[in-house]
């Protein structure tokens, strides 16, 4: 593969990986925001975990 093509391929691959990573961070942030709101409404940690996909430990940390 020519050097220019390798560089372009690497840049495109890096961009895709970065986008996916950013999306995951955004999803996690949103899940934590939802969990905080549910905690304020006295919803059980078990239900919050099922609903958001967060672990019970992650939810416990949000209570602090």
Protein backbone atom coordinates (compact mmCIF):
# COMPACT_ATOMS: atom_id res chain seq x y z
CA UNK A 1 0.00 0.00 0.00
CA UNK A 2 1.34 3.43 -0.84
CA UNK A 3 2.39 5.68 2.02
CA UNK A 4 -0.33 8.23 1.29
CA UNK A 5 -3.04 5.59 1.28
CA UNK A 6 -1.78 4.12 4.56
CA UNK A 7 -1.88 7.54 6.17
CA UNK A 8 -5.40 8.23 4.90
CA UNK A 9 -6.58 4.79 6.06
CA UNK A 10 -5.03 5.39 9.48
CA UNK A 11 -6.63 8.80 9.82
CA UNK A 12 -10.07 7.46 8.84
CA UNK A 13 -9.76 4.53 11.23
CA UNK A 14 -8.65 6.84 14.04
CA UNK A 15 -11.58 9.16 13.39
CA UNK A 16 -14.07 6.28 13.53
CA UNK A 17 -12.58 4.98 16.77
CA UNK A 18 -12.70 8.48 18.25
CA UNK A 19 -16.33 8.94 17.24
CA UNK A 20 -17.35 5.63 18.80
CA UNK A 21 -15.47 6.48 21.99
CA UNK A 22 -17.20 9.87 22.13
CA UNK A 23 -20.60 8.28 21.64
CA UNK A 24 -19.97 5.85 24.49
CA UNK A 25 -18.90 8.67 26.79
CA UNK A 26 -22.05 10.60 25.86
CA UNK A 27 -24.27 7.59 26.50
CA UNK A 28 -22.66 7.00 29.89
CA UNK A 29 -23.08 10.66 30.84
CA UNK A 30 -26.77 10.56 29.88
CA UNK A 31 -27.32 7.32 31.83
CA UNK A 32 -25.79 8.93 34.91
CA UNK A 33 -28.01 12.00 34.53
CA UNK A 34 -31.09 9.78 34.31
CA UNK A 35 -29.94 7.74 37.32
CA UNK A 36 -29.51 10.90 39.41
CA UNK A 37 -33.06 12.00 38.58
CA UNK A 38 -34.43 8.57 39.45
CA UNK A 39 -32.53 8.58 42.75
CA UNK A 40 -34.13 11.93 43.58
CA UNK A 41 -37.51 10.25 43.09
CA UNK A 42 -36.54 7.41 45.47
CA UNK A 43 -36.53 4.75 42.75
CA UNK A 44 -34.69 1.62 43.88
CA UNK A 45 -31.09 1.11 42.82
CA UNK A 46 -32.02 -2.25 41.29
CA UNK A 47 -34.59 -0.65 38.99
CA UNK A 48 -32.20 2.17 38.08
CA UNK A 49 -29.51 -0.39 37.23
CA UNK A 50 -31.90 -2.35 35.02
CA UNK A 51 -33.13 0.80 33.32
CA UNK A 52 -29.83 2.58 32.71
CA UNK A 53 -27.37 -0.30 32.37
CA UNK A 54 -25.21 1.21 35.12
CA UNK A 55 -23.86 -1.03 37.86
CA UNK A 56 -25.17 -0.76 41.39
CA UNK A 57 -21.74 0.51 42.44
CA UNK A 58 -21.84 3.30 39.83
CA UNK A 59 -25.28 4.33 41.07
CA UNK A 60 -24.16 4.29 44.71
CA UNK A 61 -21.34 6.67 43.80
CA UNK A 62 -23.88 9.07 42.28
CA UNK A 63 -25.67 9.34 45.63
CA UNK A 64 -22.67 11.11 47.15
